[in-house]
């Protein structure tokens, strides 16, 4: 298997050197260690986002004993080639451009006996332009995801506003009801006072 051969063919004389790109972007290097496969994937995904490409999860090698993942390859989503699709419109045929361009950018991580996941291969160069935007969104997919997140947040805020509006109306209705009850009681007291005054005057005149 290609992945297994690459893992076994790793150079034993690894030079552990941390390299940073512009803007403090930490670049992967052969020998870099992670606590888990997930940590390695998250690191490479974030690196890809900041550099300007999208990660595609590729091959993995499993243990024949318990099925655990022992090695994983991640790469640019433009790796490989896909056949052009033709759209028939009347007598004309138009070709869709392939989303894959044979890019070789990849990273290979392997789980060591210590439990650490180590980068055993790193191909940096891409054969296509990288896209980085001012807001840190590197691709249309990132933008769509961000729009979706913002839309969900907006819906959540609208639901909160509706709930607060309902509670406010309920509170206002309660205040109005209490005001009416208080006004009614005050009016009743005023009427009683007037009645008492009237009776007092009538009693005074009789005397």
N, C-alpha and C. Protein backbone atom coordinates (compact mmCIF):
# COMPACT_ATOMS: atom_id res chain seq x y z
N UNK A 1 0.85 -1.20 0.00
CA UNK A 1 0.00 0.00 0.00
C UNK A 1 0.88 1.24 0.00
N UNK A 2 0.53 2.23 -0.79
CA UNK A 2 1.37 3.41 -0.95
C UNK A 2 1.60 4.13 0.36
N UNK A 3 0.54 4.30 1.14
CA UNK A 3 0.67 5.01 2.41
C UNK A 3 1.60 4.28 3.35
N UNK A 4 1.50 2.96 3.41
CA UNK A 4 2.33 2.17 4.30
C UNK A 4 3.80 2.26 3.90
N UNK A 5 4.07 2.21 2.59
CA UNK A 5 5.45 2.31 2.10
C UNK A 5 6.06 3.65 2.47
N UNK A 6 5.27 4.74 2.38
CA UNK A 6 5.80 6.06 2.71
C UNK A 6 6.12 6.16 4.19
N UNK A 7 5.28 5.55 5.03
CA UNK A 7 5.52 5.58 6.47
C UNK A 7 6.81 4.85 6.80
N UNK A 8 7.02 3.69 6.17
CA UNK A 8 8.20 2.87 6.46
C UNK A 8 9.47 3.47 5.88
N UNK A 9 9.33 4.33 4.86
CA UNK A 9 10.51 4.88 4.19
C UNK A 9 10.94 6.23 4.74
N UNK A 10 10.46 6.59 5.92
CA UNK A 10 10.81 7.88 6.50
C UNK A 10 12.29 7.91 6.85
N UNK A 11 12.96 9.00 6.54
CA UNK A 11 14.38 9.17 6.85
C UNK A 11 14.56 9.23 8.36
N UNK A 12 15.45 8.41 8.88
CA UNK A 12 15.65 8.37 10.33
C UNK A 12 16.38 9.60 10.84
N UNK A 13 17.07 10.33 9.97
CA UNK A 13 17.79 11.52 10.41
C UNK A 13 16.91 12.75 10.17
N UNK A 14 15.90 12.91 11.05
CA UNK A 14 14.94 14.01 10.92
C UNK A 14 15.52 15.26 11.57
N UNK A 15 15.47 16.35 10.81
CA UNK A 15 15.93 17.62 11.36
C UNK A 15 14.71 18.37 11.89
N UNK A 16 14.60 18.45 13.20
CA UNK A 16 13.45 19.09 13.82
C UNK A 16 13.67 20.59 13.86
N UNK A 17 13.10 21.26 12.89
CA UNK A 17 13.29 22.70 12.77
C UNK A 17 11.95 23.36 12.55
N UNK A 18 11.59 24.30 13.42
CA UNK A 18 10.32 25.01 13.29
C UNK A 18 10.50 26.17 12.35
N UNK A 19 9.64 26.22 11.33
CA UNK A 19 9.68 27.32 10.38
C UNK A 19 8.36 28.06 10.42
N UNK A 20 8.45 29.38 10.45
CA UNK A 20 7.25 30.20 10.44
C UNK A 20 7.19 30.99 9.16
N UNK A 21 6.00 31.06 8.58
CA UNK A 21 5.79 31.88 7.41
C UNK A 21 5.45 33.29 7.88
N UNK A 22 5.09 34.15 6.94
CA UNK A 22 4.69 35.50 7.30
C UNK A 22 3.47 35.48 8.20
N UNK A 23 3.28 36.57 8.97
CA UNK A 23 2.14 36.71 9.87
C UNK A 23 2.14 35.65 10.97
N UNK A 24 3.31 35.07 11.28
CA UNK A 24 3.40 34.12 12.38
C UNK A 24 2.74 32.79 12.13
N UNK A 25 2.57 32.39 10.86
CA UNK A 25 1.93 31.11 10.55
C UNK A 25 2.96 29.99 10.72
N UNK A 26 2.69 29.07 11.63
CA UNK A 26 3.60 27.95 11.86
C UNK A 26 3.44 26.92 10.76
N UNK A 27 4.53 26.60 10.11
CA UNK A 27 4.49 25.65 8.99
C UNK A 27 4.83 24.25 9.48
N UNK A 28 4.11 23.23 9.01
CA UNK A 28 4.43 21.85 9.41
C UNK A 28 5.86 21.49 8.98
N UNK A 29 6.44 20.55 9.69
CA UNK A 29 7.76 20.06 9.31
C UNK A 29 7.88 18.59 9.71
N UNK A 30 8.71 17.86 9.01
CA UNK A 30 8.92 16.45 9.30
C UNK A 30 9.50 16.31 10.71
N UNK A 31 8.82 15.54 11.54
CA UNK A 31 9.25 15.38 12.92
C UNK A 31 8.35 16.11 13.91
N UNK A 32 7.48 16.98 13.41
CA UNK A 32 6.55 17.68 14.29
C UNK A 32 5.63 16.67 14.97
N UNK A 33 5.39 16.85 16.27
CA UNK A 33 4.60 15.89 17.04
C UNK A 33 3.26 16.49 17.49
N UNK A 34 2.27 15.62 17.58
CA UNK A 34 0.95 15.99 18.08
C UNK A 34 0.49 14.93 19.08
N UNK A 35 -0.41 15.32 19.96
CA UNK A 35 -0.90 14.37 20.96
C UNK A 35 -1.90 13.39 20.38
N UNK A 36 -2.54 13.75 19.27
CA UNK A 36 -3.54 12.87 18.69
C UNK A 36 -3.67 13.15 17.19
N UNK A 37 -4.34 12.23 16.50
CA UNK A 37 -4.61 12.43 15.08
C UNK A 37 -5.48 13.66 14.88
N UNK A 38 -6.45 13.86 15.78
CA UNK A 38 -7.35 15.01 15.67
C UNK A 38 -6.59 16.32 15.81
N UNK A 39 -5.61 16.37 16.71
CA UNK A 39 -4.79 17.57 16.87
C UNK A 39 -4.01 17.86 15.59
N UNK A 40 -3.48 16.81 14.97
CA UNK A 40 -2.73 16.98 13.73
C UNK A 40 -3.64 17.50 12.62
N UNK A 41 -4.84 16.94 12.55
CA UNK A 41 -5.79 17.37 11.52
C UNK A 41 -6.20 18.82 11.73
N UNK A 42 -6.48 19.19 12.98
CA UNK A 42 -6.89 20.57 13.27
C UNK A 42 -5.76 21.55 12.93
N UNK A 43 -4.52 21.16 13.26
CA UNK A 43 -3.40 22.04 12.97
C UNK A 43 -3.25 22.26 11.46
N UNK A 44 -3.30 21.17 10.70
CA UNK A 44 -3.13 21.28 9.25
C UNK A 44 -4.30 22.04 8.61
N UNK A 45 -5.50 21.84 9.14
CA UNK A 45 -6.67 22.55 8.62
C UNK A 45 -6.54 24.05 8.86
N UNK A 46 -6.08 24.43 10.06
CA UNK A 46 -5.90 25.85 10.36
C UNK A 46 -4.77 26.44 9.52
N UNK A 47 -3.69 25.66 9.36
CA UNK A 47 -2.58 26.09 8.50
C UNK A 47 -3.08 26.34 7.08
N UNK A 48 -3.89 25.39 6.58
CA UNK A 48 -4.43 25.51 5.22
C UNK A 48 -5.31 26.74 5.09
N UNK A 49 -6.14 26.99 6.11
CA UNK A 49 -7.04 28.14 6.07
C UNK A 49 -6.27 29.45 5.98
N UNK A 50 -5.18 29.52 6.75
CA UNK A 50 -4.41 30.76 6.78
C UNK A 50 -3.53 30.93 5.55
N UNK A 51 -3.09 29.81 4.99
CA UNK A 51 -2.26 29.88 3.79
C UNK A 51 -3.12 30.11 2.54
N UNK A 52 -4.31 29.46 2.50
CA UNK A 52 -5.21 29.72 1.39
C UNK A 52 -5.65 28.52 0.58
N UNK A 53 -5.86 27.37 1.22
CA UNK A 53 -6.40 26.23 0.50
C UNK A 53 -7.27 25.40 1.43
N UNK A 54 -7.98 24.43 0.86
CA UNK A 54 -8.90 23.60 1.63
C UNK A 54 -8.33 22.20 1.78
N UNK A 55 -8.47 21.62 2.96
CA UNK A 55 -7.93 20.29 3.24
C UNK A 55 -8.90 19.20 2.80
N UNK A 56 -8.34 18.15 2.21
CA UNK A 56 -9.13 16.96 1.91
C UNK A 56 -8.55 15.80 2.70
N UNK A 57 -9.40 15.09 3.47
CA UNK A 57 -8.96 13.93 4.23
C UNK A 57 -8.81 12.77 3.25
N UNK A 58 -7.62 12.17 3.23
CA UNK A 58 -7.33 11.15 2.22
C UNK A 58 -7.15 9.77 2.85
N UNK A 59 -6.07 9.09 2.48
CA UNK A 59 -5.87 7.70 2.92
C UNK A 59 -5.56 7.59 4.40
N UNK A 60 -5.79 6.38 4.93
CA UNK A 60 -5.34 6.07 6.27
C UNK A 60 -4.94 4.60 6.32
N UNK A 61 -4.05 4.28 7.24
CA UNK A 61 -3.63 2.89 7.44
C UNK A 61 -4.13 2.43 8.80
N UNK A 62 -4.82 1.29 8.82
CA UNK A 62 -5.40 0.77 10.05
C UNK A 62 -4.57 -0.40 10.60
N UNK A 63 -4.73 -0.63 11.88
CA UNK A 63 -4.12 -1.79 12.51
C UNK A 63 -4.91 -3.04 12.13
N UNK A 64 -4.18 -4.11 11.76
CA UNK A 64 -4.85 -5.35 11.42
C UNK A 64 -5.36 -6.09 12.64
N UNK A 65 -4.97 -5.61 13.84
CA UNK A 65 -5.36 -6.28 15.08
C UNK A 65 -6.65 -5.70 15.65
N UNK A 66 -6.64 -4.39 15.85
CA UNK A 66 -7.83 -3.77 16.49
C UNK A 66 -8.50 -2.71 15.62
N UNK A 67 -7.98 -2.49 14.42
CA UNK A 67 -8.62 -1.54 13.51
C UNK A 67 -8.31 -0.09 13.79
N UNK A 68 -7.42 0.18 14.73
CA UNK A 68 -7.06 1.57 15.02
C UNK A 68 -6.36 2.21 13.82
N UNK A 69 -6.53 3.53 13.69
CA UNK A 69 -5.81 4.25 12.64
C UNK A 69 -4.37 4.44 13.09
N UNK A 70 -3.44 4.03 12.24
CA UNK A 70 -2.01 4.14 12.56
C UNK A 70 -1.34 5.26 11.79
N UNK A 71 -1.88 5.61 10.64
CA UNK A 71 -1.30 6.68 9.82
C UNK A 71 -2.41 7.34 9.02
N UNK A 72 -2.23 8.62 8.77
CA UNK A 72 -3.26 9.37 8.05
C UNK A 72 -2.60 10.35 7.09
N UNK A 73 -3.17 10.43 5.89
CA UNK A 73 -2.69 11.42 4.92
C UNK A 73 -3.77 12.48 4.73
N UNK A 74 -3.35 13.74 4.79
CA UNK A 74 -4.22 14.88 4.50
C UNK A 74 -3.59 15.65 3.35
N UNK A 75 -4.41 16.27 2.54
CA UNK A 75 -3.84 17.00 1.42
C UNK A 75 -4.74 18.11 0.93
N UNK A 76 -4.27 18.81 -0.07
CA UNK A 76 -5.05 19.87 -0.71
C UNK A 76 -6.23 19.25 -1.44
N UNK A 77 -7.35 19.93 -1.42
CA UNK A 77 -8.54 19.36 -2.08
C UNK A 77 -8.43 19.37 -3.60
N UNK A 78 -7.36 19.96 -4.13
CA UNK A 78 -7.16 19.94 -5.58
C UNK A 78 -6.19 18.83 -6.01
N UNK A 79 -5.94 17.89 -5.10
CA UNK A 79 -5.10 16.74 -5.46
C UNK A 79 -5.84 15.85 -6.44
N UNK A 80 -5.07 15.16 -7.29
CA UNK A 80 -5.64 14.22 -8.25
C UNK A 80 -6.31 14.94 -9.40
N UNK A 81 -6.97 14.17 -10.25
CA UNK A 81 -7.68 14.72 -11.40
C UNK A 81 -9.06 14.09 -11.46
N UNK A 82 -10.03 14.86 -11.89
CA UNK A 82 -11.37 14.33 -12.11
C UNK A 82 -11.76 14.62 -13.55
N UNK A 83 -12.47 13.70 -14.20
CA UNK A 83 -12.82 13.91 -15.60
C UNK A 83 -13.74 15.10 -15.78
N UNK A 84 -13.57 15.80 -16.90
CA UNK A 84 -14.46 16.92 -17.20
C UNK A 84 -15.86 16.41 -17.48
N UNK A 85 -16.83 17.15 -16.97
CA UNK A 85 -18.22 16.79 -17.22
C UNK A 85 -18.76 17.68 -18.33
N UNK A 86 -19.44 17.06 -19.27
CA UNK A 86 -19.97 17.83 -20.39
C UNK A 86 -21.47 18.03 -20.21
N UNK A 87 -21.88 19.26 -20.45
CA UNK A 87 -23.29 19.60 -20.37
C UNK A 87 -23.81 19.77 -21.79
N UNK A 88 -24.84 19.02 -22.14
CA UNK A 88 -25.41 19.11 -23.48
C UNK A 88 -26.50 20.16 -23.51
N UNK A 89 -26.34 21.16 -24.35
CA UNK A 89 -27.32 22.21 -24.53
C UNK A 89 -27.60 22.31 -26.02
N UNK A 90 -28.66 21.63 -26.45
CA UNK A 90 -28.95 21.56 -27.87
C UNK A 90 -27.88 20.76 -28.55
N UNK A 91 -27.27 21.33 -29.59
CA UNK A 91 -26.21 20.65 -30.32
C UNK A 91 -24.84 20.98 -29.76
N UNK A 92 -24.79 21.92 -28.77
CA UNK A 92 -23.50 22.35 -28.21
C UNK A 92 -23.16 21.55 -26.96
N UNK A 93 -21.89 21.33 -26.72
CA UNK A 93 -21.41 20.67 -25.53
C UNK A 93 -20.39 21.56 -24.86
N UNK A 94 -20.61 21.82 -23.56
CA UNK A 94 -19.69 22.66 -22.82
C UNK A 94 -19.01 21.83 -21.73
N UNK A 95 -17.75 22.09 -21.50
CA UNK A 95 -17.00 21.34 -20.49
C UNK A 95 -16.93 22.13 -19.20
N UNK A 96 -17.18 21.43 -18.10
CA UNK A 96 -16.96 22.04 -16.80
C UNK A 96 -15.50 21.85 -16.42
N UNK A 97 -14.91 22.91 -15.87
CA UNK A 97 -13.52 22.78 -15.46
C UNK A 97 -13.44 21.89 -14.23
N UNK A 98 -12.40 21.07 -14.15
CA UNK A 98 -12.24 20.14 -13.03
C UNK A 98 -11.84 20.90 -11.78
N UNK A 99 -12.39 20.48 -10.63
CA UNK A 99 -12.06 21.11 -9.35
C UNK A 99 -10.68 20.65 -8.87
N UNK A 100 -10.18 19.53 -9.42
CA UNK A 100 -8.87 19.01 -9.03
C UNK A 100 -7.85 19.31 -10.12
N UNK A 101 -6.66 19.64 -9.67
CA UNK A 101 -5.63 20.09 -10.61
C UNK A 101 -4.32 19.32 -10.45
N UNK A 102 -4.37 18.16 -9.81
CA UNK A 102 -3.15 17.37 -9.64
C UNK A 102 -2.18 17.96 -8.64
N UNK A 103 -2.70 18.70 -7.67
CA UNK A 103 -1.83 19.32 -6.67
C UNK A 103 -1.17 18.25 -5.81
N UNK A 104 0.10 18.45 -5.46
CA UNK A 104 0.85 17.45 -4.69
C UNK A 104 0.97 17.81 -3.21
N UNK A 105 0.45 18.97 -2.82
CA UNK A 105 0.57 19.39 -1.42
C UNK A 105 -0.10 18.38 -0.50
N UNK A 106 0.66 17.90 0.48
CA UNK A 106 0.12 16.86 1.36
C UNK A 106 0.91 16.82 2.66
N UNK A 107 0.31 16.15 3.66
CA UNK A 107 1.00 15.90 4.92
C UNK A 107 0.66 14.48 5.34
N UNK A 108 1.64 13.79 5.89
CA UNK A 108 1.44 12.41 6.34
C UNK A 108 1.84 12.34 7.81
N UNK A 109 0.93 11.85 8.65
CA UNK A 109 1.22 11.71 10.08
C UNK A 109 1.07 10.25 10.49
N UNK A 110 1.93 9.83 11.38
CA UNK A 110 1.97 8.43 11.82
C UNK A 110 1.98 8.37 13.35
N UNK A 111 1.27 7.40 13.91
CA UNK A 111 1.26 7.23 15.36
C UNK A 111 2.46 6.39 15.77
N UNK A 112 3.28 6.93 16.65
CA UNK A 112 4.45 6.23 17.15
C UNK A 112 4.07 5.35 18.34
N UNK A 113 5.01 4.52 18.77
CA UNK A 113 4.77 3.63 19.92
C UNK A 113 4.48 4.43 21.18
N UNK A 114 5.01 5.65 21.23
CA UNK A 114 4.80 6.50 22.40
C UNK A 114 3.37 7.03 22.48
N UNK A 115 2.63 6.87 21.39
CA UNK A 115 1.27 7.41 21.34
C UNK A 115 1.20 8.75 20.65
N UNK A 116 2.37 9.36 20.41
CA UNK A 116 2.41 10.64 19.72
C UNK A 116 2.20 10.43 18.22
N UNK A 117 1.62 11.46 17.58
CA UNK A 117 1.46 11.45 16.13
C UNK A 117 2.52 12.36 15.54
N UNK A 118 3.32 11.80 14.61
CA UNK A 118 4.48 12.51 14.08
C UNK A 118 4.32 12.74 12.58
N UNK A 119 4.69 13.95 12.15
CA UNK A 119 4.68 14.24 10.71
C UNK A 119 5.85 13.50 10.06
N UNK A 120 5.56 12.61 9.12
CA UNK A 120 6.61 11.85 8.45
C UNK A 120 6.83 12.31 7.01
N UNK A 121 5.93 13.13 6.51
CA UNK A 121 6.12 13.68 5.18
C UNK A 121 5.32 14.98 5.07
N UNK A 122 5.93 15.97 4.42
CA UNK A 122 5.23 17.23 4.21
C UNK A 122 5.61 17.80 2.85
N UNK A 123 4.64 17.91 1.99
CA UNK A 123 4.82 18.54 0.69
C UNK A 123 4.14 19.91 0.74
N UNK A 124 4.92 20.96 0.62
CA UNK A 124 4.42 22.32 0.81
C UNK A 124 3.83 22.94 -0.45
N UNK A 125 4.48 22.71 -1.60
CA UNK A 125 4.16 23.48 -2.80
C UNK A 125 2.84 23.06 -3.44
N UNK A 126 2.11 24.06 -3.93
CA UNK A 126 0.87 23.85 -4.68
C UNK A 126 1.11 24.24 -6.14
N UNK A 127 0.35 23.63 -7.03
CA UNK A 127 0.49 23.95 -8.46
C UNK A 127 -0.65 24.86 -8.94
N UNK A 128 -1.25 25.57 -8.00
CA UNK A 128 -2.38 26.46 -8.32
C UNK A 128 -2.33 27.64 -7.36
N UNK A 129 -2.96 28.74 -7.72
CA UNK A 129 -2.96 29.92 -6.85
C UNK A 129 -3.67 29.65 -5.53
N UNK A 130 -3.14 30.21 -4.46
CA UNK A 130 -3.78 30.13 -3.15
C UNK A 130 -4.59 31.40 -2.94
N UNK A 131 -5.71 31.26 -2.28
CA UNK A 131 -6.63 32.39 -2.15
C UNK A 131 -6.79 32.74 -0.68
N UNK A 132 -6.38 33.95 -0.33
CA UNK A 132 -6.53 34.44 1.04
C UNK A 132 -7.26 35.77 0.98
N UNK A 133 -8.29 35.91 1.76
CA UNK A 133 -9.05 37.15 1.81
C UNK A 133 -8.72 37.92 3.06
N UNK A 134 -9.11 39.18 3.09
CA UNK A 134 -8.79 40.06 4.22
C UNK A 134 -9.40 39.58 5.52
N UNK A 135 -10.54 38.92 5.43
CA UNK A 135 -11.22 38.46 6.64
C UNK A 135 -10.80 37.06 7.06
N UNK A 136 -9.76 36.53 6.41
CA UNK A 136 -9.26 35.22 6.81
C UNK A 136 -9.99 34.06 6.20
N UNK A 137 -10.94 34.31 5.29
CA UNK A 137 -11.66 33.23 4.63
C UNK A 137 -10.94 32.92 3.33
N UNK A 138 -10.45 31.71 3.20
CA UNK A 138 -9.58 31.39 2.07
C UNK A 138 -10.32 30.91 0.85
N UNK A 139 -11.54 30.44 0.99
CA UNK A 139 -12.24 29.88 -0.15
C UNK A 139 -13.71 30.24 -0.10
N UNK A 140 -14.38 29.98 -1.24
CA UNK A 140 -15.82 30.22 -1.29
C UNK A 140 -16.53 29.34 -0.27
N UNK A 141 -16.00 28.11 -0.06
CA UNK A 141 -16.59 27.21 0.92
C UNK A 141 -16.54 27.80 2.32
N UNK A 142 -15.41 28.44 2.66
CA UNK A 142 -15.29 29.09 3.96
C UNK A 142 -16.30 30.22 4.10
N UNK A 143 -16.46 30.98 3.00
CA UNK A 143 -17.41 32.09 3.02
C UNK A 143 -18.83 31.57 3.22
N UNK A 144 -19.17 30.49 2.51
CA UNK A 144 -20.50 29.91 2.64
C UNK A 144 -20.73 29.42 4.07
N UNK A 145 -19.70 28.80 4.64
CA UNK A 145 -19.81 28.31 6.01
C UNK A 145 -20.00 29.47 6.98
N UNK A 146 -19.24 30.56 6.76
CA UNK A 146 -19.36 31.73 7.63
C UNK A 146 -20.75 32.35 7.50
N UNK A 147 -21.25 32.44 6.26
CA UNK A 147 -22.60 32.98 6.04
C UNK A 147 -23.64 32.13 6.76
N UNK A 148 -23.45 30.79 6.67
CA UNK A 148 -24.38 29.87 7.34
C UNK A 148 -24.35 30.08 8.86
N UNK A 149 -23.13 30.23 9.40
CA UNK A 149 -23.00 30.46 10.84
C UNK A 149 -23.66 31.77 11.26
N UNK A 150 -23.43 32.83 10.45
CA UNK A 150 -24.02 34.12 10.77
C UNK A 150 -25.54 34.08 10.65
N UNK A 151 -26.03 33.33 9.65
CA UNK A 151 -27.48 33.19 9.47
C UNK A 151 -28.10 32.49 10.67
N UNK A 152 -27.44 31.42 11.13
CA UNK A 152 -27.94 30.70 12.31
C UNK A 152 -27.92 31.59 13.54
N UNK A 153 -26.85 32.39 13.67
CA UNK A 153 -26.76 33.31 14.81
C UNK A 153 -27.85 34.36 14.73
N UNK A 154 -28.12 34.86 13.51
CA UNK A 154 -29.18 35.84 13.33
C UNK A 154 -30.54 35.26 13.70
N UNK A 155 -30.79 34.01 13.26
CA UNK A 155 -32.05 33.35 13.61
C UNK A 155 -32.18 33.18 15.12
N UNK A 156 -31.05 32.84 15.76
CA UNK A 156 -31.05 32.68 17.22
C UNK A 156 -31.38 34.00 17.91
N UNK A 157 -30.76 35.08 17.41
CA UNK A 157 -31.01 36.40 18.00
C UNK A 157 -32.45 36.83 17.78
N UNK A 158 -33.00 36.50 16.60
CA UNK A 158 -34.40 36.83 16.33
C UNK A 158 -35.34 36.08 17.26
N UNK A 159 -35.01 34.81 17.54
CA UNK A 159 -35.81 34.03 18.48
C UNK A 159 -35.75 34.64 19.87
N UNK A 160 -34.55 35.08 20.28
CA UNK A 160 -34.41 35.73 21.58
C UNK A 160 -35.21 37.02 21.63
N UNK A 161 -35.15 37.80 20.52
CA UNK A 161 -35.90 39.06 20.47
C UNK A 161 -37.40 38.79 20.59
N UNK A 162 -37.87 37.74 19.89
CA UNK A 162 -39.29 37.39 19.95
C UNK A 162 -39.68 36.99 21.38
N UNK A 163 -38.79 36.23 22.05
CA UNK A 163 -39.06 35.81 23.42
C UNK A 163 -39.10 37.00 24.36
N UNK A 164 -38.12 37.91 24.21
CA UNK A 164 -38.08 39.10 25.05
C UNK A 164 -39.29 39.99 24.79
N UNK A 165 -39.70 40.07 23.51
CA UNK A 165 -40.86 40.89 23.16
C UNK A 165 -42.13 40.32 23.82
N UNK A 166 -42.23 38.99 23.78
CA UNK A 166 -43.39 38.33 24.39
C UNK A 166 -43.42 38.57 25.90
N UNK A 167 -42.22 38.46 26.52
CA UNK A 167 -42.16 38.69 27.96
C UNK A 167 -42.47 40.14 28.30
N UNK A 168 -41.99 41.08 27.46
CA UNK A 168 -42.24 42.50 27.71
C UNK A 168 -43.73 42.80 27.59
N UNK A 169 -44.38 42.23 26.56
CA UNK A 169 -45.82 42.45 26.39
C UNK A 169 -46.60 41.87 27.56
N UNK A 170 -46.15 40.69 28.02
CA UNK A 170 -46.80 40.06 29.17
C UNK A 170 -46.66 40.93 30.41
N UNK A 171 -45.44 41.49 30.57
CA UNK A 171 -45.19 42.36 31.73
C UNK A 171 -46.04 43.63 31.64
N UNK A 172 -46.12 44.21 30.42
CA UNK A 172 -46.90 45.43 30.23
C UNK A 172 -48.38 45.16 30.48
N UNK A 173 -48.85 44.00 30.01
CA UNK A 173 -50.25 43.64 30.26
C UNK A 173 -50.52 43.48 31.75
N UNK A 174 -49.54 42.89 32.43
CA UNK A 174 -49.67 42.71 33.87
C UNK A 174 -49.70 44.06 34.57
N UNK A 175 -48.82 44.97 34.11
CA UNK A 175 -48.79 46.32 34.71
C UNK A 175 -50.11 47.04 34.46
N UNK A 176 -50.63 46.92 33.22
CA UNK A 176 -51.91 47.56 32.89
C UNK A 176 -53.04 47.02 33.77
N UNK A 177 -53.02 45.69 33.96
CA UNK A 177 -54.06 45.07 34.78
C UNK A 177 -53.97 45.55 36.22
N UNK A 178 -52.74 45.60 36.73
CA UNK A 178 -52.56 46.06 38.10
C UNK A 178 -52.93 47.53 38.23
N UNK A 179 -52.61 48.31 37.19
CA UNK A 179 -52.95 49.73 37.21
C UNK A 179 -54.47 49.92 37.24
N UNK A 180 -55.15 49.11 36.42
CA UNK A 180 -56.61 49.18 36.40
C UNK A 180 -57.20 48.80 37.76
N UNK A 181 -56.65 47.72 38.36
CA UNK A 181 -57.13 47.30 39.67
C UNK A 181 -56.88 48.37 40.72
N UNK A 182 -55.65 48.98 40.63
CA UNK A 182 -55.31 50.03 41.59
C UNK A 182 -56.21 51.25 41.40
N UNK A 183 -56.46 51.60 40.13
CA UNK A 183 -57.33 52.74 39.84
C UNK A 183 -58.74 52.47 40.36
N UNK A 184 -59.19 51.23 40.18
CA UNK A 184 -60.52 50.86 40.65
C UNK A 184 -60.60 50.97 42.17
N UNK A 185 -59.56 50.53 42.85
CA UNK A 185 -59.55 50.61 44.31
C UNK A 185 -59.49 52.06 44.77
N UNK A 186 -58.69 52.86 44.08
CA UNK A 186 -58.60 54.28 44.44
C UNK A 186 -59.95 54.96 44.24
N UNK A 187 -60.58 54.64 43.11
CA UNK A 187 -61.89 55.22 42.83
C UNK A 187 -62.91 54.79 43.88
N UNK A 188 -62.80 53.52 44.30
CA UNK A 188 -63.71 53.02 45.34
C UNK A 188 -63.48 53.76 46.64
N UNK A 189 -62.20 54.02 46.97
CA UNK A 189 -61.88 54.76 48.20
C UNK A 189 -62.42 56.19 48.10
N UNK A 190 -62.20 56.81 46.91
CA UNK A 190 -62.69 58.19 46.71
C UNK A 190 -64.21 58.25 46.86
N UNK A 191 -64.88 57.26 46.25
CA UNK A 191 -66.33 57.22 46.35
C UNK A 191 -66.78 57.05 47.80
N UNK A 192 -66.08 56.20 48.53
CA UNK A 192 -66.41 55.98 49.95
C UNK A 192 -66.20 57.26 50.76
N UNK A 193 -65.09 57.95 50.44
CA UNK A 193 -64.80 59.20 51.15
C UNK A 193 -65.89 60.22 50.86
N UNK A 194 -66.28 60.35 49.59
CA UNK A 194 -67.34 61.28 49.22
C UNK A 194 -68.66 60.91 49.91
N UNK A 195 -68.94 59.61 49.99
CA UNK A 195 -70.16 59.15 50.63
C UNK A 195 -70.16 59.50 52.11
N UNK A 196 -68.99 59.28 52.72
CA UNK A 196 -68.87 59.61 54.14
C UNK A 196 -69.04 61.11 54.35
N UNK A 197 -68.40 61.91 53.48
CA UNK A 197 -68.52 63.37 53.59
C UNK A 197 -69.96 63.81 53.41
N UNK A 198 -70.62 63.19 52.41
CA UNK A 198 -72.02 63.54 52.15
C UNK A 198 -72.90 63.20 53.34
N UNK A 199 -72.69 62.03 53.92
CA UNK A 199 -73.47 61.63 55.09
C UNK A 199 -73.18 62.53 56.28
N UNK A 200 -71.92 62.96 56.37
CA UNK A 200 -71.56 63.84 57.49
C UNK A 200 -72.25 65.18 57.35
N UNK A 201 -72.33 65.70 56.13
CA UNK A 201 -72.99 66.99 55.89
C UNK A 201 -74.48 66.89 56.20
N UNK A 202 -75.10 65.78 55.75
CA UNK A 202 -76.52 65.59 56.00
C UNK A 202 -76.78 65.51 57.51
N UNK A 203 -75.95 64.83 58.25
CA UNK A 203 -76.08 64.71 59.70
C UNK A 203 -75.93 66.06 60.37
N UNK A 204 -74.98 66.88 59.81
CA UNK A 204 -74.71 68.20 60.37
C UNK A 204 -75.92 69.12 60.17
N UNK A 205 -76.54 69.04 58.99
CA UNK A 205 -77.69 69.88 58.70
C UNK A 205 -78.88 69.48 59.60
N UNK A 206 -79.06 68.23 59.88
CA UNK A 206 -80.15 67.77 60.71
C UNK A 206 -80.02 68.29 62.12
N UNK A 207 -78.78 68.47 62.57
CA UNK A 207 -78.54 68.97 63.89
C UNK A 207 -78.84 70.47 63.93
